[in-house]
Amino acid sequence: DKFGSNVKDEEGFPGFALVNKATGLALKHACGAAQPVRIIHCLVQLACFNSNDLSLMWSESKVIDNEGYRRIRMFNNIHLNMDVYLGDHPDIQEGNKIVLWEWKNGDNQIWKISSHCKF
């Protein structure tokens, strides 16, 4: 909570960055709808994150279902959500791109951040 407590999206939800501890790579959102989310090299430690870089900032929505899943969306445009792009395939499969998309109420658009990591 130390990163998002002072930085809120337009609905009042805290902002955060998705940074991999081992690699220092962070998810950077794309410029707009249907553009791929990119992995970029993040030189700062998670503890030293610069909240002024809004392209690294995300926010979660309220809980969508009874299992605790939420939308993850651009911090500065909460109408664009992290989405597993299905393309011509109705099912999620290895190699699907992660893009930003308007809310379509799909399971490919809801996520859960879980702390079940052994690290």
PDB file of N, CA and C in Angstrom:
ATOM      1  N   ASP A   1       0.820  -1.202   0.000  1.00  0.00           N
ATOM      2  CA  ASP A   1       0.000   0.000   0.000  1.00  0.00           C
ATOM      3  C   ASP A   1       0.857   1.255   0.000  1.00  0.00           C
ATOM      4  N   LYS A   2       2.173   1.122   0.223  1.00  0.00           N
ATOM      5  CA  LYS A   2       3.007   2.314   0.293  1.00  0.00           C
ATOM      6  C   LYS A   2       3.134   3.034  -1.041  1.00  0.00           C
ATOM      7  N   PHE A   3       2.794   2.388  -2.164  1.00  0.00           N
ATOM      8  CA  PHE A   3       2.929   3.040  -3.459  1.00  0.00           C
ATOM      9  C   PHE A   3       1.653   3.741  -3.882  1.00  0.00           C
ATOM     10  N   GLY A   4       0.505   3.167  -3.577  1.00  0.00           N
ATOM     11  CA  GLY A   4      -0.753   3.712  -4.056  1.00  0.00           C
ATOM     12  C   GLY A   4      -1.512   4.556  -3.066  1.00  0.00           C
ATOM     13  N   SER A   5      -1.009   4.687  -1.853  1.00  0.00           N
ATOM     14  CA  SER A   5      -1.792   5.384  -0.846  1.00  0.00           C
ATOM     15  C   SER A   5      -1.997   6.853  -1.172  1.00  0.00           C
ATOM     16  N   ASN A   6      -1.069   7.467  -1.873  1.00  0.00           N
ATOM     17  CA  ASN A   6      -1.206   8.884  -2.216  1.00  0.00           C
ATOM     18  C   ASN A   6      -1.599   9.113  -3.665  1.00  0.00           C
ATOM     19  N   VAL A   7      -1.634   8.060  -4.462  1.00  0.00           N
ATOM     20  CA  VAL A   7      -1.922   8.192  -5.889  1.00  0.00           C
ATOM     21  C   VAL A   7      -3.197   7.411  -6.181  1.00  0.00           C
ATOM     22  N   LYS A   8      -4.258   8.117  -6.556  1.00  0.00           N
ATOM     23  CA  LYS A   8      -5.561   7.479  -6.776  1.00  0.00           C
ATOM     24  C   LYS A   8      -6.038   7.733  -8.200  1.00  0.00           C
ATOM     25  N   ASP A   9      -6.776   6.759  -8.759  1.00  0.00           N
ATOM     26  CA  ASP A   9      -7.386   6.965 -10.071  1.00  0.00           C
ATOM     27  C   ASP A   9      -8.662   7.795  -9.906  1.00  0.00           C
ATOM     28  N   GLU A  10      -9.380   8.017 -10.991  1.00  0.00           N
ATOM     29  CA  GLU A  10     -10.545   8.898 -10.921  1.00  0.00           C
ATOM     30  C   GLU A  10     -11.689   8.331 -10.092  1.00  0.00           C
ATOM     31  N   GLU A  11     -11.669   7.025  -9.789  1.00  0.00           N
ATOM     32  CA  GLU A  11     -12.677   6.428  -8.916  1.00  0.00           C
ATOM     33  C   GLU A  11     -12.194   6.299  -7.476  1.00  0.00           C
ATOM     34  N   GLY A  12     -10.958   6.742  -7.219  1.00  0.00           N
ATOM     35  CA  GLY A  12     -10.416   6.698  -5.866  1.00  0.00           C
ATOM     36  C   GLY A  12      -9.661   5.439  -5.507  1.00  0.00           C
ATOM     37  N   PHE A  13      -9.401   4.569  -6.499  1.00  0.00           N
ATOM     38  CA  PHE A  13      -8.640   3.347  -6.241  1.00  0.00           C
ATOM     39  C   PHE A  13      -7.146   3.641  -6.354  1.00  0.00           C
ATOM     40  N   PRO A  14      -6.323   3.001  -5.511  1.00  0.00           N
ATOM     41  CA  PRO A  14      -4.890   3.286  -5.532  1.00  0.00           C
ATOM     42  C   PRO A  14      -4.205   2.814  -6.808  1.00  0.00           C
ATOM     43  N   GLY A  15      -3.188   3.553  -7.202  1.00  0.00           N
ATOM     44  CA  GLY A  15      -2.371   3.177  -8.347  1.00  0.00           C
ATOM     45  C   GLY A  15      -1.238   2.266  -7.917  1.00  0.00           C
ATOM     46  N   PHE A  16      -0.756   1.455  -8.844  1.00  0.00           N
ATOM     47  CA  PHE A  16       0.354   0.555  -8.552  1.00  0.00           C
ATOM     48  C   PHE A  16       1.078   0.233  -9.850  1.00  0.00           C
ATOM     49  N   ALA A  17       2.276  -0.315  -9.710  1.00  0.00           N
ATOM     50  CA  ALA A  17       3.040  -0.813 -10.855  1.00  0.00           C
ATOM     51  C   ALA A  17       3.171  -2.323 -10.710  1.00  0.00           C
ATOM     52  N   LEU A  18       3.232  -3.023 -11.830  1.00  0.00           N
ATOM     53  CA  LEU A  18       3.439  -4.471 -11.841  1.00  0.00           C
ATOM     54  C   LEU A  18       4.889  -4.718 -12.250  1.00  0.00           C
ATOM     55  N   VAL A  19       5.741  -4.932 -11.249  1.00  0.00           N
ATOM     56  CA  VAL A  19       7.180  -5.067 -11.449  1.00  0.00           C
ATOM     57  C   VAL A  19       7.602  -6.461 -11.005  1.00  0.00           C
ATOM     58  N   ASN A  20       8.344  -7.157 -11.847  1.00  0.00           N
ATOM     59  CA  ASN A  20       8.865  -8.468 -11.494  1.00  0.00           C
ATOM     60  C   ASN A  20      10.111  -8.296 -10.639  1.00  0.00           C
ATOM     61  N   LYS A  21      10.127  -8.907  -9.479  1.00  0.00           N
ATOM     62  CA  LYS A  21      11.243  -8.768  -8.549  1.00  0.00           C
ATOM     63  C   LYS A  21      12.551  -9.295  -9.133  1.00  0.00           C
ATOM     64  N   ALA A  22      12.522 -10.441  -9.784  1.00  0.00           N
ATOM     65  CA  ALA A  22      13.740 -11.069 -10.291  1.00  0.00           C
ATOM     66  C   ALA A  22      14.358 -10.312 -11.459  1.00  0.00           C
ATOM     67  N   THR A  23      13.523  -9.790 -12.340  1.00  0.00           N
ATOM     68  CA  THR A  23      14.049  -9.174 -13.560  1.00  0.00           C
ATOM     69  C   THR A  23      14.060  -7.653 -13.531  1.00  0.00           C
ATOM     70  N   GLY A  24      13.248  -7.047 -12.685  1.00  0.00           N
ATOM     71  CA  GLY A  24      13.116  -5.596 -12.697  1.00  0.00           C
ATOM     72  C   GLY A  24      12.283  -5.094 -13.860  1.00  0.00           C
ATOM     73  N   LEU A  25      11.621  -6.005 -14.581  1.00  0.00           N
ATOM     74  CA  LEU A  25      10.786  -5.602 -15.707  1.00  0.00           C
ATOM     75  C   LEU A  25       9.390  -5.248 -15.220  1.00  0.00           C
ATOM     76  N   ALA A  26       8.834  -4.195 -15.796  1.00  0.00           N
ATOM     77  CA  ALA A  26       7.503  -3.736 -15.407  1.00  0.00           C
ATOM     78  C   ALA A  26       6.578  -3.767 -16.608  1.00  0.00           C
ATOM     79  N   LEU A  27       5.300  -3.982 -16.351  1.00  0.00           N
ATOM     80  CA  LEU A  27       4.309  -3.888 -17.426  1.00  0.00           C
ATOM     81  C   LEU A  27       4.004  -2.428 -17.685  1.00  0.00           C
ATOM     82  N   LYS A  28       4.125  -2.049 -18.924  1.00  0.00           N
ATOM     83  CA  LYS A  28       3.856  -0.672 -19.343  1.00  0.00           C
ATOM     84  C   LYS A  28       2.638  -0.710 -20.241  1.00  0.00           C
ATOM     85  N   HIS A  29       1.650   0.120 -19.939  1.00  0.00           N
ATOM     86  CA  HIS A  29       0.459   0.061 -20.784  1.00  0.00           C
ATOM     87  C   HIS A  29       0.693   0.755 -22.104  1.00  0.00           C
ATOM     88  N   ALA A  30      -0.103   0.333 -23.072  1.00  0.00           N
ATOM     89  CA  ALA A  30       0.011   0.821 -24.441  1.00  0.00           C
ATOM     90  C   ALA A  30      -0.618   2.201 -24.563  1.00  0.00           C
ATOM     91  N   CYS A  31      -0.558   2.738 -25.754  1.00  0.00           N
ATOM     92  CA  CYS A  31      -1.081   4.078 -26.016  1.00  0.00           C
ATOM     93  C   CYS A  31      -2.596   4.122 -26.072  1.00  0.00           C
ATOM     94  N   GLY A  32      -3.228   3.022 -26.436  1.00  0.00           N
ATOM     95  CA  GLY A  32      -4.679   3.046 -26.578  1.00  0.00           C
ATOM     96  C   GLY A  32      -5.249   1.658 -26.757  1.00  0.00           C
ATOM     97  N   ALA A  33      -6.517   1.606 -27.068  1.00  0.00           N
ATOM     98  CA  ALA A  33      -7.228   0.333 -27.199  1.00  0.00           C
ATOM     99  C   ALA A  33      -6.609  -0.540 -28.278  1.00  0.00           C
ATOM    100  N   ALA A  34      -6.587  -1.832 -28.030  1.00  0.00           N
ATOM    101  CA  ALA A  34      -6.123  -2.880 -28.938  1.00  0.00           C
ATOM    102  C   ALA A  34      -4.619  -2.843 -29.180  1.00  0.00           C
ATOM    103  N   GLN A  35      -3.888  -2.013 -28.467  1.00  0.00           N
ATOM    104  CA  GLN A  35      -2.441  -1.975 -28.577  1.00  0.00           C
ATOM    105  C   GLN A  35      -1.850  -2.908 -27.526  1.00  0.00           C
ATOM    106  N   PRO A  36      -0.789  -3.649 -27.851  1.00  0.00           N
ATOM    107  CA  PRO A  36      -0.230  -4.598 -26.890  1.00  0.00           C
ATOM    108  C   PRO A  36       0.368  -3.908 -25.671  1.00  0.00           C
ATOM    109  N   VAL A  37       0.211  -4.550 -24.520  1.00  0.00           N
ATOM    110  CA  VAL A  37       0.908  -4.139 -23.315  1.00  0.00           C
ATOM    111  C   VAL A  37       2.353  -4.579 -23.494  1.00  0.00           C
ATOM    112  N   ARG A  38       3.299  -3.757 -23.061  1.00  0.00           N
ATOM    113  CA  ARG A  38       4.705  -4.070 -23.282  1.00  0.00           C
ATOM    114  C   ARG A  38       5.405  -4.340 -21.959  1.00  0.00           C
ATOM    115  N   ILE A  39       6.448  -5.130 -22.028  1.00  0.00           N
ATOM    116  CA  ILE A  39       7.330  -5.301 -20.879  1.00  0.00           C
ATOM    117  C   ILE A  39       8.529  -4.408 -21.134  1.00  0.00           C
ATOM    118  N   ILE A  40       8.823  -3.581 -20.168  1.00  0.00           N
ATOM    119  CA  ILE A  40       9.956  -2.672 -20.327  1.00  0.00           C
ATOM    120  C   ILE A  40      10.924  -2.882 -19.175  1.00  0.00           C
ATOM    121  N   HIS A  41      12.137  -2.475 -19.360  1.00  0.00           N
ATOM    122  CA  HIS A  41      13.111  -2.592 -18.292  1.00  0.00           C
ATOM    123  C   HIS A  41      12.912  -1.453 -17.309  1.00  0.00           C
ATOM    124  N   CYS A  42      12.777  -1.797 -16.075  1.00  0.00           N
ATOM    125  CA  CYS A  42      12.559  -0.810 -15.021  1.00  0.00           C
ATOM    126  C   CYS A  42      13.829  -0.749 -14.181  1.00  0.00           C
ATOM    127  N   LEU A  43      14.533   0.351 -14.221  1.00  0.00           N
ATOM    128  CA  LEU A  43      15.804   0.450 -13.525  1.00  0.00           C
ATOM    129  C   LEU A  43      15.651   0.751 -12.043  1.00  0.00           C
ATOM    130  N   VAL A  44      14.519   1.255 -11.619  1.00  0.00           N
ATOM    131  CA  VAL A  44      14.344   1.579 -10.208  1.00  0.00           C
ATOM    132  C   VAL A  44      13.825   0.367  -9.445  1.00  0.00           C
ATOM    133  N   GLN A  45      14.181   0.289  -8.192  1.00  0.00           N
ATOM    134  CA  GLN A  45      13.665  -0.756  -7.315  1.00  0.00           C
ATOM    135  C   GLN A  45      12.191  -0.486  -7.053  1.00  0.00           C
ATOM    136  N   LEU A  46      11.467  -1.515  -6.697  1.00  0.00           N
ATOM    137  CA  LEU A  46      10.057  -1.350  -6.372  1.00  0.00           C
ATOM    138  C   LEU A  46       9.880  -0.324  -5.262  1.00  0.00           C
ATOM    139  N   ALA A  47      10.739  -0.329  -4.316  1.00  0.00           N
ATOM    140  CA  ALA A  47      10.638   0.608  -3.196  1.00  0.00           C
ATOM    141  C   ALA A  47      10.902   2.046  -3.625  1.00  0.00           C
ATOM    142  N   CYS A  48      11.580   2.229  -4.732  1.00  0.00           N
ATOM    143  CA  CYS A  48      11.917   3.573  -5.208  1.00  0.00           C
ATOM    144  C   CYS A  48      11.099   3.972  -6.424  1.00  0.00           C
ATOM    145  N   PHE A  49       9.970   3.321  -6.629  1.00  0.00           N
ATOM    146  CA  PHE A  49       9.175   3.563  -7.824  1.00  0.00           C
ATOM    147  C   PHE A  49       8.800   5.030  -7.954  1.00  0.00           C
ATOM    148  N   ASN A  50       8.902   5.572  -9.164  1.00  0.00           N
ATOM    149  CA  ASN A  50       8.548   6.961  -9.448  1.00  0.00           C
ATOM    150  C   ASN A  50       7.116   7.013  -9.949  1.00  0.00           C
ATOM    151  N   SER A  51       6.208   7.447  -9.113  1.00  0.00           N
ATOM    152  CA  SER A  51       4.789   7.472  -9.480  1.00  0.00           C
ATOM    153  C   SER A  51       4.477   8.516 -10.537  1.00  0.00           C
ATOM    154  N   ASN A  52       5.451   9.336 -10.908  1.00  0.00           N
ATOM    155  CA  ASN A  52       5.224  10.314 -11.980  1.00  0.00           C
ATOM    156  C   ASN A  52       5.199   9.665 -13.358  1.00  0.00           C
ATOM    157  N   ASP A  53       5.699   8.437 -13.466  1.00  0.00           N
ATOM    158  CA  ASP A  53       5.677   7.730 -14.747  1.00  0.00           C
ATOM    159  C   ASP A  53       4.347   7.000 -14.870  1.00  0.00           C
ATOM    160  N   LEU A  54       3.338   7.699 -15.368  1.00  0.00           N
ATOM    161  CA  LEU A  54       1.987   7.145 -15.434  1.00  0.00           C
ATOM    162  C   LEU A  54       1.862   5.985 -16.409  1.00  0.00           C
ATOM    163  N   SER A  55       2.815   5.819 -17.315  1.00  0.00           N
ATOM    164  CA  SER A  55       2.739   4.695 -18.249  1.00  0.00           C
ATOM    165  C   SER A  55       3.023   3.359 -17.568  1.00  0.00           C
ATOM    166  N   LEU A  56       3.514   3.390 -16.353  1.00  0.00           N
ATOM    167  CA  LEU A  56       3.744   2.176 -15.576  1.00  0.00           C
ATOM    168  C   LEU A  56       2.667   1.955 -14.523  1.00  0.00           C
ATOM    169  N   MET A  57       1.738   2.886 -14.419  1.00  0.00           N
ATOM    170  CA  MET A  57       0.741   2.842 -13.351  1.00  0.00           C
ATOM    171  C   MET A  57      -0.549   2.176 -13.804  1.00  0.00           C
ATOM    172  N   TRP A  58      -1.089   1.340 -12.938  1.00  0.00           N
ATOM    173  CA  TRP A  58      -2.331   0.609 -13.147  1.00  0.00           C
ATOM    174  C   TRP A  58      -3.223   0.831 -11.941  1.00  0.00           C
ATOM    175  N   SER A  59      -4.486   0.507 -12.059  1.00  0.00           N
ATOM    176  CA  SER A  59      -5.378   0.470 -10.897  1.00  0.00           C
ATOM    177  C   SER A  59      -6.340  -0.696 -11.064  1.00  0.00           C
ATOM    178  N   GLU A  60      -6.877  -1.137  -9.940  1.00  0.00           N
ATOM    179  CA  GLU A  60      -7.880  -2.203  -9.958  1.00  0.00           C
ATOM    180  C   GLU A  60      -9.256  -1.588  -9.776  1.00  0.00           C
ATOM    181  N   SER A  61     -10.260  -2.251 -10.319  1.00  0.00           N
ATOM    182  CA  SER A  61     -11.643  -1.828 -10.118  1.00  0.00           C
ATOM    183  C   SER A  61     -12.177  -2.441  -8.830  1.00  0.00           C
ATOM    184  N   LYS A  62     -13.442  -2.188  -8.572  1.00  0.00           N
ATOM    185  CA  LYS A  62     -14.119  -2.913  -7.494  1.00  0.00           C
ATOM    186  C   LYS A  62     -14.177  -4.393  -7.884  1.00  0.00           C
ATOM    187  N   VAL A  63     -14.479  -5.254  -6.930  1.00  0.00           N
ATOM    188  CA  VAL A  63     -14.588  -6.693  -7.191  1.00  0.00           C
ATOM    189  C   VAL A  63     -15.735  -6.943  -8.164  1.00  0.00           C
ATOM    190  N   ILE A  64     -15.469  -7.758  -9.204  1.00  0.00           N
ATOM    191  CA  ILE A  64     -16.437  -8.028 -10.269  1.00  0.00           C
ATOM    192  C   ILE A  64     -17.295  -9.256  -9.963  1.00  0.00           C
ATOM    193  N   ASP A  65     -16.699 -10.276  -9.341  1.00  0.00           N
ATOM    194  CA  ASP A  65     -17.441 -11.518  -9.101  1.00  0.00           C
ATOM    195  C   ASP A  65     -17.258 -11.979  -7.660  1.00  0.00           C
ATOM    196  N   ASN A  66     -17.830 -13.107  -7.306  1.00  0.00           N
ATOM    197  CA  ASN A  66     -17.752 -13.590  -5.927  1.00  0.00           C
ATOM    198  C   ASN A  66     -16.444 -14.308  -5.609  1.00  0.00           C
ATOM    199  N   GLU A  67     -15.504 -14.351  -6.548  1.00  0.00           N
ATOM    200  CA  GLU A  67     -14.199 -14.967  -6.318  1.00  0.00           C
ATOM    201  C   GLU A  67     -13.098 -13.926  -6.131  1.00  0.00           C
ATOM    202  N   GLY A  68     -13.439 -12.658  -6.154  1.00  0.00           N
ATOM    203  CA  GLY A  68     -12.461 -11.606  -5.913  1.00  0.00           C
ATOM    204  C   GLY A  68     -11.751 -11.080  -7.145  1.00  0.00           C
ATOM    205  N   TYR A  69     -12.224 -11.420  -8.333  1.00  0.00           N
ATOM    206  CA  TYR A  69     -11.602 -10.926  -9.557  1.00  0.00           C
ATOM    207  C   TYR A  69     -12.012  -9.479  -9.816  1.00  0.00           C
ATOM    208  N   ARG A  70     -11.095  -8.726 -10.410  1.00  0.00           N
ATOM    209  CA  ARG A  70     -11.304  -7.308 -10.699  1.00  0.00           C
ATOM    210  C   ARG A  70     -10.782  -6.989 -12.089  1.00  0.00           C
ATOM    211  N   ARG A  71     -11.155  -5.822 -12.574  1.00  0.00           N
ATOM    212  CA  ARG A  71     -10.536  -5.308 -13.790  1.00  0.00           C
ATOM    213  C   ARG A  71      -9.219  -4.648 -13.396  1.00  0.00           C
ATOM    214  N   ILE A  72      -8.195  -4.824 -14.221  1.00  0.00           N
ATOM    215  CA  ILE A  72      -6.961  -4.049 -14.092  1.00  0.00           C
ATOM    216  C   ILE A  72      -6.960  -3.110 -15.279  1.00  0.00           C
ATOM    217  N   ARG A  73      -6.824  -1.823 -14.994  1.00  0.00           N
ATOM    218  CA  ARG A  73      -6.968  -0.842 -16.076  1.00  0.00           C
ATOM    219  C   ARG A  73      -5.877   0.210 -16.007  1.00  0.00           C
ATOM    220  N   MET A  74      -5.725   0.924 -17.099  1.00  0.00           N
ATOM    221  CA  MET A  74      -4.780   2.026 -17.125  1.00  0.00           C
ATOM    222  C   MET A  74      -5.118   2.970 -15.982  1.00  0.00           C
ATOM    223  N   PHE A  75      -4.121   3.445 -15.294  1.00  0.00           N
ATOM    224  CA  PHE A  75      -4.348   4.355 -14.176  1.00  0.00           C
ATOM    225  C   PHE A  75      -4.966   5.670 -14.642  1.00  0.00           C
ATOM    226  N   ASN A  76      -4.480   6.171 -15.764  1.00  0.00           N
ATOM    227  CA  ASN A  76      -4.937   7.483 -16.232  1.00  0.00           C
ATOM    228  C   ASN A  76      -6.038   7.402 -17.286  1.00  0.00           C
ATOM    229  N   ASN A  77      -6.559   6.198 -17.553  1.00  0.00           N
ATOM    230  CA  ASN A  77      -7.731   6.025 -18.416  1.00  0.00           C
ATOM    231  C   ASN A  77      -8.407   4.723 -17.999  1.00  0.00           C
ATOM    232  N   ILE A  78      -9.241   4.794 -16.981  1.00  0.00           N
ATOM    233  CA  ILE A  78      -9.817   3.585 -16.388  1.00  0.00           C
ATOM    234  C   ILE A  78     -10.840   2.909 -17.283  1.00  0.00           C
ATOM    235  N   HIS A  79     -11.099   3.486 -18.445  1.00  0.00           N
ATOM    236  CA  HIS A  79     -12.035   2.870 -19.387  1.00  0.00           C
ATOM    237  C   HIS A  79     -11.352   1.832 -20.280  1.00  0.00           C
ATOM    238  N   LEU A  80     -10.018   1.768 -20.222  1.00  0.00           N
ATOM    239  CA  LEU A  80      -9.266   0.757 -20.965  1.00  0.00           C
ATOM    240  C   LEU A  80      -8.719  -0.269 -19.979  1.00  0.00           C
ATOM    241  N   ASN A  81      -9.090  -1.521 -20.195  1.00  0.00           N
ATOM    242  CA  ASN A  81      -8.806  -2.610 -19.268  1.00  0.00           C
ATOM    243  C   ASN A  81      -7.791  -3.581 -19.844  1.00  0.00           C
ATOM    244  N   MET A  82      -6.997  -4.192 -18.952  1.00  0.00           N
ATOM    245  CA  MET A  82      -6.093  -5.247 -19.375  1.00  0.00           C
ATOM    246  C   MET A  82      -6.941  -6.424 -19.858  1.00  0.00           C
ATOM    247  N   ASP A  83      -6.618  -6.930 -21.033  1.00  0.00           N
ATOM    248  CA  ASP A  83      -7.471  -7.888 -21.731  1.00  0.00           C
ATOM    249  C   ASP A  83      -6.586  -8.930 -22.401  1.00  0.00           C
ATOM    250  N   VAL A  84      -6.922 -10.201 -22.250  1.00  0.00           N
ATOM    251  CA  VAL A  84      -6.250 -11.246 -23.028  1.00  0.00           C
ATOM    252  C   VAL A  84      -6.928 -11.253 -24.386  1.00  0.00           C
ATOM    253  N   TYR A  85      -6.192 -10.832 -25.416  1.00  0.00           N
ATOM    254  CA  TYR A  85      -6.764 -10.712 -26.756  1.00  0.00           C
ATOM    255  C   TYR A  85      -7.004 -12.099 -27.339  1.00  0.00           C
ATOM    256  N   LEU A  86      -8.253 -12.375 -27.673  1.00  0.00           N
ATOM    257  CA  LEU A  86      -8.622 -13.694 -28.187  1.00  0.00           C
ATOM    258  C   LEU A  86      -8.528 -13.790 -29.698  1.00  0.00           C
ATOM    259  N   GLY A  87      -8.614 -12.675 -30.394  1.00  0.00           N
ATOM    260  CA  GLY A  87      -8.551 -12.700 -31.849  1.00  0.00           C
ATOM    261  C   GLY A  87      -9.649 -13.558 -32.433  1.00  0.00           C
ATOM    262  N   ASP A  88      -9.280 -14.469 -33.316  1.00  0.00           N
ATOM    263  CA  ASP A  88     -10.250 -15.359 -33.955  1.00  0.00           C
ATOM    264  C   ASP A  88     -10.526 -16.620 -33.141  1.00  0.00           C
ATOM    265  N   HIS A  89      -9.856 -16.766 -32.000  1.00  0.00           N
ATOM    266  CA  HIS A  89     -10.006 -17.973 -31.185  1.00  0.00           C
ATOM    267  C   HIS A  89     -10.887 -17.662 -29.979  1.00  0.00           C
ATOM    268  N   PRO A  90     -11.863 -18.504 -29.702  1.00  0.00           N
ATOM    269  CA  PRO A  90     -12.754 -18.227 -28.572  1.00  0.00           C
ATOM    270  C   PRO A  90     -12.135 -18.535 -27.210  1.00  0.00           C
ATOM    271  N   ASP A  91     -11.005 -19.229 -27.193  1.00  0.00           N
ATOM    272  CA  ASP A  91     -10.407 -19.650 -25.930  1.00  0.00           C
ATOM    273  C   ASP A  91      -9.048 -19.005 -25.724  1.00  0.00           C
ATOM    274  N   ILE A  92      -8.694 -18.832 -24.464  1.00  0.00           N
ATOM    275  CA  ILE A  92      -7.367 -18.344 -24.114  1.00  0.00           C
ATOM    276  C   ILE A  92      -6.385 -19.484 -24.317  1.00  0.00           C
ATOM    277  N   GLN A  93      -5.256 -19.167 -24.955  1.00  0.00           N
ATOM    278  CA  GLN A  93      -4.236 -20.176 -25.199  1.00  0.00           C
ATOM    279  C   GLN A  93      -2.864 -19.542 -25.084  1.00  0.00           C
ATOM    280  N   GLU A  94      -1.860 -20.362 -24.961  1.00  0.00           N
ATOM    281  CA  GLU A  94      -0.505 -19.863 -24.857  1.00  0.00           C
ATOM    282  C   GLU A  94      -0.195 -18.990 -26.061  1.00  0.00           C
ATOM    283  N   GLY A  95       0.401 -17.847 -25.799  1.00  0.00           N
ATOM    284  CA  GLY A  95       0.768 -16.936 -26.876  1.00  0.00           C
ATOM    285  C   GLY A  95      -0.210 -15.799 -27.102  1.00  0.00           C
ATOM    286  N   ASN A  96      -1.368 -15.812 -26.423  1.00  0.00           N
ATOM    287  CA  ASN A  96      -2.292 -14.683 -26.556  1.00  0.00           C
ATOM    288  C   ASN A  96      -1.598 -13.400 -26.115  1.00  0.00           C
ATOM    289  N   LYS A  97      -1.874 -12.309 -26.791  1.00  0.00           N
ATOM    290  CA  LYS A  97      -1.335 -11.008 -26.408  1.00  0.00           C
ATOM    291  C   LYS A  97      -2.194 -10.400 -25.309  1.00  0.00           C
ATOM    292  N   ILE A  98      -1.538  -9.605 -24.478  1.00  0.00           N
ATOM    293  CA  ILE A  98      -2.242  -8.808 -23.477  1.00  0.00           C
ATOM    294  C   ILE A  98      -2.374  -7.410 -24.066  1.00  0.00           C
ATOM    295  N   VAL A  99      -3.603  -6.940 -24.178  1.00  0.00           N
ATOM    296  CA  VAL A  99      -3.882  -5.634 -24.779  1.00  0.00           C
ATOM    297  C   VAL A  99      -4.773  -4.835 -23.840  1.00  0.00           C
ATOM    298  N   LEU A 100      -5.068  -3.619 -24.238  1.00  0.00           N
ATOM    299  CA  LEU A 100      -6.045  -2.788 -23.542  1.00  0.00           C
ATOM    300  C   LEU A 100      -7.311  -2.759 -24.368  1.00  0.00           C
ATOM    301  N   TRP A 101      -8.457  -2.860 -23.688  1.00  0.00           N
ATOM    302  CA  TRP A 101      -9.728  -2.904 -24.405  1.00  0.00           C
ATOM    303  C   TRP A 101     -10.803  -2.287 -23.529  1.00  0.00           C
ATOM    304  N   GLU A 102     -11.819  -1.739 -24.191  1.00  0.00           N
ATOM    305  CA  GLU A 102     -12.972  -1.252 -23.450  1.00  0.00           C
ATOM    306  C   GLU A 102     -13.628  -2.432 -22.732  1.00  0.00           C
ATOM    307  N   TRP A 103     -14.318  -2.155 -21.645  1.00  0.00           N
ATOM    308  CA  TRP A 103     -14.959  -3.198 -20.846  1.00  0.00           C
ATOM    309  C   TRP A 103     -16.040  -3.901 -21.646  1.00  0.00           C
ATOM    310  N   LYS A 104     -15.902  -5.222 -21.799  1.00  0.00           N
ATOM    311  CA  LYS A 104     -16.868  -6.053 -22.527  1.00  0.00           C
ATOM    312  C   LYS A 104     -17.444  -7.151 -21.633  1.00  0.00           C
ATOM    313  N   ASN A 105     -17.145  -7.093 -20.341  1.00  0.00           N
ATOM    314  CA  ASN A 105     -17.697  -8.027 -19.364  1.00  0.00           C
ATOM    315  C   ASN A 105     -17.249  -9.466 -19.617  1.00  0.00           C
ATOM    316  N   GLY A 106     -16.018  -9.639 -20.092  1.00  0.00           N
ATOM    317  CA  GLY A 106     -15.509 -10.972 -20.396  1.00  0.00           C
ATOM    318  C   GLY A 106     -14.569 -11.497 -19.329  1.00  0.00           C
ATOM    319  N   ASP A 107     -14.526 -12.820 -19.181  1.00  0.00           N
ATOM    320  CA  ASP A 107     -13.586 -13.430 -18.240  1.00  0.00           C
ATOM    321  C   ASP A 107     -12.139 -13.152 -18.630  1.00  0.00           C
ATOM    322  N   ASN A 108     -11.899 -12.865 -19.899  1.00  0.00           N
ATOM    323  CA  ASN A 108     -10.544 -12.532 -20.346  1.00  0.00           C
ATOM    324  C   ASN A 108     -10.147 -11.117 -19.927  1.00  0.00           C
ATOM    325  N   GLN A 109     -11.015 -10.420 -19.223  1.00  0.00           N
ATOM    326  CA  GLN A 109     -10.739  -9.056 -18.774  1.00  0.00           C
ATOM    327  C   GLN A 109     -10.714  -8.918 -17.256  1.00  0.00           C
ATOM    328  N   ILE A 110     -10.844 -10.012 -16.526  1.00  0.00           N
ATOM    329  CA  ILE A 110     -10.807  -9.899 -15.066  1.00  0.00           C
ATOM    330  C   ILE A 110      -9.636 -10.705 -14.515  1.00  0.00           C
ATOM    331  N   TRP A 111      -9.047 -10.181 -13.461  1.00  0.00           N
ATOM    332  CA  TRP A 111      -7.787 -10.678 -12.929  1.00  0.00           C
ATOM    333  C   TRP A 111      -7.847 -10.705 -11.407  1.00  0.00           C
ATOM    334  N   LYS A 112      -6.960 -11.495 -10.820  1.00  0.00           N
ATOM    335  CA  LYS A 112      -6.804 -11.498  -9.370  1.00  0.00           C
ATOM    336  C   LYS A 112      -5.319 -11.434  -9.060  1.00  0.00           C
ATOM    337  N   ILE A 113      -4.928 -10.482  -8.248  1.00  0.00           N
ATOM    338  CA  ILE A 113      -3.548 -10.392  -7.785  1.00  0.00           C
ATOM    339  C   ILE A 113      -3.484 -11.179  -6.486  1.00  0.00           C
ATOM    340  N   SER A 114      -2.637 -12.203  -6.479  1.00  0.00           N
ATOM    341  CA  SER A 114      -2.583 -13.130  -5.358  1.00  0.00           C
ATOM    342  C   SER A 114      -1.167 -13.192  -4.807  1.00  0.00           C
ATOM    343  N   SER A 115      -1.045 -13.393  -3.528  1.00  0.00           N
ATOM    344  CA  SER A 115       0.276 -13.431  -2.886  1.00  0.00           C
ATOM    345  C   SER A 115       0.702 -14.860  -2.555  1.00  0.00           C
ATOM    346  N   HIS A 116       0.526 -15.760  -3.498  1.00  0.00           N
ATOM    347  CA  HIS A 116       0.891 -17.164  -3.288  1.00  0.00           C
ATOM    348  C   HIS A 116       2.260 -17.480  -3.877  1.00  0.00           C
ATOM    349  N   CYS A 117       3.199 -16.606  -3.688  1.00  0.00           N
ATOM    350  CA  CYS A 117       4.528 -16.773  -4.263  1.00  0.00           C
ATOM    351  C   CYS A 117       5.506 -17.228  -3.182  1.00  0.00           C
ATOM    352  N   LYS A 118       6.381 -18.166  -3.502  1.00  0.00           N
ATOM    353  CA  LYS A 118       7.348 -18.663  -2.522  1.00  0.00           C
ATOM    354  C   LYS A 118       8.500 -17.692  -2.296  1.00  0.00           C
ATOM    355  N   PHE A 119       8.610 -16.663  -3.126  1.00  0.00           N
ATOM    356  CA  PHE A 119       9.706 -15.712  -2.974  1.00  0.00           C
ATOM    357  C   PHE A 119       9.306 -14.710  -1.948  1.00  0.00           C
TER     358      PHE A 119
END
